[in-house]
Amino acid sequence: MKLDTKAQIAKGTLSLLSFVAFLFLLALLVLVFCAGLGINPFRETTTSFLFALFGGFIGAAAILVFLNVATNISLIADAKIAELGIVPNPAKLRMWSLGFFITAAVLLCLIFAGTYLSKEKYLGIVRTQADEVLKENKILLEEISALLASGRPPDYKRITEIIKFLKHQRSGLPELTLIYSGQFADKQAFFELKEYFYGDLAKDTYSPTYFPCTQNLDCDTLRLFFSGKGVDTLQKYTLRDDKFYIYIPVIGKEARFILRFDRSNRYGKLGSF
């Protein structure tokens, strides 16, 4: 590496480290102020982003350990430049910077593309296994339809046993939730059943659990399906909380319901150890 290039890198490194230190101190001031007063003026997503940004500053701050070395290198480079009468070439520094940003952009594209392909592959595997299990157990699906139409506590207990059975037919299947429609004060409501029964058969009671649909994810699909219209299988995944969803509609002879397979993928996230 030529001397003029080294001088430009030394100067650029020193400026960058100073800028990172300035941003880190500002972020630390905001964090101490908000924590001291017990306030949070930001939305949940903004807060998550700021914490991630602050974590990045902490990582960058580790580089500041070398600030003194970078400063000495910069001073030596300046002295050498003055001694030899070398005029640094800014074009070479721009070339190094351009190469760095191009490489970073390629890596980011690979990360996003890899994430997208892995999610699609996982959804495809789960969908195939789910279709196989449901195809092999059509009689149980019709039994669920009849039990939902009956609606007695022992019937719901039986449904939870069927759900548990279906979920464990393949090792790769994630969580399974059965969603059905009902009424509350003359209004449509969605309820859910999983592999656990929340009731007391001795007292012939059952406590239904509401299913909270998510706007722009499944609310519209559920309303259409339980209003008597046909819908296709819904497959989605979310990036922010990294969840997978597969909604498979089932139209039985006596009642219709939806089987939802979902899973949270927390590998590689902070706090998932």
Protein backbone atom coordinates (compact mmCIF):
# COMPACT_ATOMS: atom_id res chain seq x y z
CA MET A 1 0.00 0.00 0.00
CA LYS A 2 1.42 3.37 -1.02
CA LEU A 3 2.30 6.02 1.52
CA ASP A 4 -0.32 8.51 0.37
CA THR A 5 -3.05 5.85 0.66
CA LYS A 6 -1.94 5.00 4.20
CA ALA A 7 -2.07 8.68 5.12
CA GLN A 8 -5.62 9.02 3.79
CA ILE A 9 -6.77 5.88 5.61
CA ALA A 10 -5.19 7.10 8.87
CA LYS A 11 -6.93 10.46 8.61
CA GLY A 12 -10.25 8.91 7.60
CA THR A 13 -10.10 6.37 10.45
CA LEU A 14 -9.45 9.09 13.01
CA SER A 15 -12.38 11.19 11.75
CA LEU A 16 -14.71 8.19 11.73
CA LEU A 17 -13.78 7.13 15.25
CA SER A 18 -14.33 10.66 16.53
CA PHE A 19 -17.77 10.75 14.91
CA VAL A 20 -18.75 7.39 16.45
CA ALA A 21 -17.62 8.57 19.87
CA PHE A 22 -19.76 11.71 19.50
CA LEU A 23 -22.87 9.68 18.58
CA PHE A 24 -22.24 7.19 21.38
CA LEU A 25 -22.05 9.97 23.98
CA LEU A 26 -25.31 11.49 22.71
CA ALA A 27 -27.05 8.10 22.83
CA LEU A 28 -25.72 7.49 26.33
CA LEU A 29 -27.06 10.87 27.45
CA VAL A 30 -30.55 10.10 26.11
CA LEU A 31 -30.52 6.62 27.69
CA VAL A 32 -29.48 7.92 31.12
CA PHE A 33 -32.03 10.74 30.95
CA CYS A 34 -34.96 8.44 30.01
CA ALA A 35 -33.96 5.75 32.51
CA GLY A 36 -33.46 8.29 35.29
CA LEU A 37 -36.88 9.86 34.82
CA GLY A 38 -38.59 6.56 33.99
CA ILE A 39 -40.03 7.81 30.70
CA ASN A 40 -40.19 6.39 27.19
CA PRO A 41 -41.28 8.92 24.56
CA PHE A 42 -40.93 6.47 21.69
CA ARG A 43 -43.13 3.79 20.21
CA GLU A 44 -42.27 0.11 20.72
CA THR A 45 -40.73 -0.33 17.28
CA THR A 46 -38.77 2.91 17.61
CA THR A 47 -37.50 1.87 21.03
CA SER A 48 -36.33 -1.50 19.65
CA PHE A 49 -34.55 0.27 16.82
CA LEU A 50 -32.85 2.71 19.20
CA PHE A 51 -31.68 -0.09 21.48
CA ALA A 52 -30.26 -1.91 18.47
CA LEU A 53 -28.56 1.30 17.37
CA PHE A 54 -27.15 1.82 20.86
CA GLY A 55 -25.84 -1.73 20.80
CA GLY A 56 -24.13 -0.91 17.53
CA PHE A 57 -22.53 2.12 19.13
CA ILE A 58 -21.21 -0.09 21.92
CA GLY A 59 -19.64 -2.39 19.36
CA ALA A 60 -18.15 0.54 17.49
CA ALA A 61 -16.95 2.03 20.77
CA ALA A 62 -14.74 -1.03 21.23
CA ILE A 63 -12.74 0.21 18.27
CA LEU A 64 -12.06 3.45 20.13
CA VAL A 65 -9.53 1.51 22.20
CA PHE A 66 -7.31 1.96 19.18
CA LEU A 67 -8.00 5.69 18.95
CA ASN A 68 -4.66 6.64 20.44
CA VAL A 69 -2.84 4.33 18.02
CA ALA A 70 -4.82 5.77 15.10
CA THR A 71 -3.98 9.30 16.27
CA ASN A 72 -0.27 8.53 16.42
CA ILE A 73 -0.42 6.93 13.00
CA SER A 74 -2.15 10.03 11.67
CA LEU A 75 0.48 12.34 13.17
CA ILE A 76 3.30 10.21 11.80
CA ALA A 77 1.62 10.15 8.41
CA ASP A 78 1.20 13.94 8.44
CA ALA A 79 4.84 14.43 9.39
CA LYS A 80 6.00 12.02 6.73
CA ILE A 81 3.83 13.69 4.12
CA ALA A 82 5.27 17.11 5.01
CA GLU A 83 8.81 15.72 4.99
CA LEU A 84 8.53 13.98 1.64
CA GLY A 85 6.28 16.55 0.05
CA ILE A 86 3.72 13.94 -0.91
CA VAL A 87 0.31 15.14 -1.97
CA PRO A 88 -2.31 12.53 -0.99
CA ASN A 89 -4.56 11.32 -3.77
CA PRO A 90 -8.23 11.56 -2.66
CA ALA A 91 -9.27 9.40 -5.60
CA LYS A 92 -7.67 6.32 -4.06
CA LEU A 93 -9.46 6.86 -0.75
CA ARG A 94 -12.73 7.20 -2.63
CA MET A 95 -11.94 3.97 -4.45
CA TRP A 96 -11.39 2.14 -1.14
CA SER A 97 -14.60 3.62 0.30
CA LEU A 98 -16.58 2.67 -2.80
CA GLY A 99 -15.24 -0.86 -2.64
CA PHE A 100 -16.25 -1.15 1.01
CA PHE A 101 -19.82 0.09 0.46
CA ILE A 102 -20.28 -2.15 -2.61
CA THR A 103 -19.10 -5.17 -0.63
CA ALA A 104 -21.38 -4.23 2.28
CA ALA A 105 -24.35 -3.84 -0.10
CA VAL A 106 -23.69 -7.25 -1.64
CA LEU A 107 -23.49 -8.87 1.81
CA LEU A 108 -26.78 -7.23 2.89
CA CYS A 109 -28.49 -8.44 -0.29
CA LEU A 110 -27.21 -11.96 0.37
CA ILE A 111 -28.52 -11.81 3.96
CA PHE A 112 -32.00 -10.64 2.91
CA ALA A 113 -32.16 -13.09 -0.01
CA GLY A 114 -31.01 -15.96 2.18
CA THR A 115 -33.56 -15.04 4.86
CA TYR A 116 -36.37 -14.90 2.30
CA LEU A 117 -35.45 -18.22 0.70
CA SER A 118 -35.04 -20.00 4.04
CA LYS A 119 -38.46 -18.76 5.21
CA GLU A 120 -40.11 -19.84 1.97
CA LYS A 121 -38.43 -23.24 2.17
CA TYR A 122 -39.55 -23.72 5.76
CA LEU A 123 -43.14 -22.74 4.92
CA GLY A 124 -43.13 -25.19 2.03
CA ILE A 125 -41.94 -28.06 4.27
CA VAL A 126 -44.53 -27.32 6.96
CA ARG A 127 -47.31 -26.92 4.38
CA THR A 128 -46.46 -30.29 2.79
CA GLN A 129 -46.39 -32.08 6.13
CA ALA A 130 -49.62 -30.41 7.28
CA ASP A 131 -51.43 -31.36 4.08
CA GLU A 132 -50.27 -34.96 4.46
CA VAL A 133 -51.48 -35.18 8.06
CA LEU A 134 -54.87 -33.64 7.30
CA LYS A 135 -55.36 -35.84 4.25
CA GLU A 136 -54.65 -38.93 6.35
CA ASN A 137 -57.10 -37.86 9.08
CA LYS A 138 -60.21 -36.64 7.29
CA ILE A 139 -62.42 -38.64 9.63
CA LEU A 140 -61.02 -36.74 12.63
CA LEU A 141 -61.62 -33.43 10.87
CA GLU A 142 -65.28 -34.36 10.35
CA GLU A 143 -65.47 -35.36 14.00
CA ILE A 144 -64.16 -31.92 14.98
CA SER A 145 -66.86 -30.33 12.82
CA ALA A 146 -69.59 -32.34 14.59
CA LEU A 147 -68.12 -31.62 18.04
CA LEU A 148 -68.00 -27.86 17.37
CA ALA A 149 -71.64 -27.94 16.28
CA SER A 150 -72.56 -29.72 19.52
CA GLY A 151 -70.52 -27.37 21.71
CA ARG A 152 -70.62 -29.28 25.01
CA PRO A 153 -67.62 -29.22 27.43
CA PRO A 154 -66.75 -32.91 26.81
CA ASP A 155 -66.79 -32.15 23.08
CA TYR A 156 -64.19 -29.41 23.48
CA LYS A 157 -62.08 -31.78 25.58
CA ARG A 158 -62.20 -34.30 22.77
CA ILE A 159 -61.17 -31.62 20.24
CA THR A 160 -58.07 -30.77 22.28
CA GLU A 161 -57.11 -34.44 22.24
CA ILE A 162 -57.48 -34.54 18.44
CA ILE A 163 -55.37 -31.38 18.09
CA LYS A 164 -52.63 -32.93 20.19
CA PHE A 165 -52.76 -36.06 18.06
CA LEU A 166 -52.55 -34.16 14.75
CA LYS A 167 -49.72 -31.93 15.96
CA HIS A 168 -47.51 -34.87 16.85
CA GLN A 169 -47.96 -36.80 13.60
CA ARG A 170 -44.85 -35.16 12.12
CA SER A 171 -41.69 -34.07 13.91
CA GLY A 172 -41.42 -30.91 11.81
CA LEU A 173 -44.88 -29.54 12.56
CA PRO A 174 -44.97 -26.38 14.73
CA GLU A 175 -47.69 -25.23 17.13
CA LEU A 176 -51.25 -26.03 16.08
CA THR A 177 -54.25 -23.87 16.95
CA LEU A 178 -57.86 -24.49 15.97
CA ILE A 179 -59.86 -21.31 15.31
CA TYR A 180 -63.64 -21.34 15.30
CA SER A 181 -66.36 -18.72 15.26
CA GLY A 182 -68.95 -17.94 17.90
CA GLN A 183 -71.10 -15.16 19.31
CA PHE A 184 -70.68 -12.69 22.14
CA ALA A 185 -73.57 -10.28 22.82
CA ASP A 186 -74.87 -10.77 19.26
CA LYS A 187 -71.43 -9.99 17.84
CA GLN A 188 -69.14 -12.32 15.98
CA ALA A 189 -66.16 -13.53 17.98
CA PHE A 190 -63.24 -15.82 17.22
CA PHE A 191 -62.20 -18.53 19.66
CA GLU A 192 -59.21 -20.84 19.78
CA LEU A 193 -58.47 -24.35 20.97
CA LYS A 194 -55.06 -25.89 21.52
CA GLU A 195 -53.90 -29.17 23.01
CA TYR A 196 -54.84 -28.15 26.57
CA PHE A 197 -58.40 -28.17 27.88
CA TYR A 198 -59.45 -25.23 30.07
CA GLY A 199 -62.54 -26.49 31.83
CA ASP A 200 -63.95 -28.78 34.50
CA LEU A 201 -65.74 -31.86 33.25
CA ALA A 202 -66.91 -32.69 36.77
CA LYS A 203 -68.83 -29.40 36.82
CA ASP A 204 -69.61 -29.65 33.10
CA THR A 205 -67.98 -26.25 32.44
CA TYR A 206 -65.65 -24.95 29.76
CA SER A 207 -63.96 -21.54 29.57
CA PRO A 208 -63.54 -20.51 25.90
CA THR A 209 -60.42 -18.61 24.92
CA TYR A 210 -60.71 -15.70 22.49
CA PHE A 211 -58.48 -15.64 19.44
CA PRO A 212 -57.09 -12.10 18.85
CA CYS A 213 -56.72 -11.68 15.10
CA THR A 214 -54.14 -9.29 13.70
CA GLN A 215 -55.06 -6.51 11.30
CA ASN A 216 -53.44 -6.84 7.87
CA LEU A 217 -52.56 -10.44 8.69
CA ASP A 218 -55.57 -12.68 9.33
CA CYS A 219 -58.61 -10.62 10.42
CA ASP A 220 -60.04 -10.16 6.94
CA THR A 221 -59.47 -13.81 6.03
CA LEU A 222 -61.23 -15.02 9.18
CA ARG A 223 -64.21 -12.72 8.67
CA LEU A 224 -64.64 -13.86 5.07
CA PHE A 225 -64.31 -17.54 5.90
CA PHE A 226 -66.69 -17.57 8.86
CA SER A 227 -69.23 -15.50 6.96
CA GLY A 228 -69.66 -18.48 4.64
CA LYS A 229 -67.26 -17.58 1.84
CA GLY A 230 -64.39 -19.68 0.56
CA VAL A 231 -60.79 -18.66 1.16
CA ASP A 232 -57.45 -20.10 0.16
CA THR A 233 -54.79 -21.32 2.55
CA LEU A 234 -53.02 -18.29 4.00
CA GLN A 235 -49.24 -18.43 4.36
CA LYS A 236 -47.33 -15.53 5.87
CA TYR A 237 -44.31 -14.71 7.95
CA THR A 238 -43.42 -11.52 9.78
CA LEU A 239 -39.93 -10.02 9.84
CA ARG A 240 -40.12 -8.01 13.06
CA ASP A 241 -41.00 -10.86 15.42
CA ASP A 242 -39.87 -13.59 12.98
CA LYS A 243 -43.01 -15.75 13.08
CA PHE A 244 -44.39 -18.21 10.56
CA TYR A 245 -48.15 -18.66 9.99
CA ILE A 246 -50.08 -21.17 7.88
CA TYR A 247 -53.90 -20.97 8.03
CA ILE A 248 -55.66 -24.01 6.52
CA PRO A 249 -59.46 -23.62 6.21
CA VAL A 250 -61.59 -26.71 6.81
CA ILE A 251 -65.26 -26.83 5.79
CA GLY A 252 -66.98 -29.68 7.61
CA LYS A 253 -70.50 -30.95 7.19
CA GLU A 254 -71.72 -29.29 10.39
CA ALA A 255 -69.21 -26.51 11.15
CA ARG A 256 -66.23 -24.83 9.59
CA PHE A 257 -62.95 -24.02 11.30
CA ILE A 258 -59.34 -23.08 10.58
CA LEU A 259 -56.20 -24.93 11.58
CA ARG A 260 -53.29 -22.56 12.16
CA PHE A 261 -49.72 -23.80 12.24
CA ASP A 262 -47.32 -21.21 13.65
CA ARG A 263 -43.83 -21.00 15.03
CA SER A 264 -41.52 -18.32 16.43
CA ASN A 265 -37.95 -18.56 15.19
CA ARG A 266 -35.69 -16.92 17.77
CA TYR A 267 -32.36 -18.37 16.74
CA GLY A 268 -29.61 -15.78 16.61
CA LYS A 269 -31.57 -13.12 18.52
CA LEU A 270 -30.41 -11.40 21.65
CA GLY A 271 -32.10 -12.85 24.71
CA SER A 272 -32.76 -16.23 23.06
CA PHE A 273 -29.98 -18.09 24.84
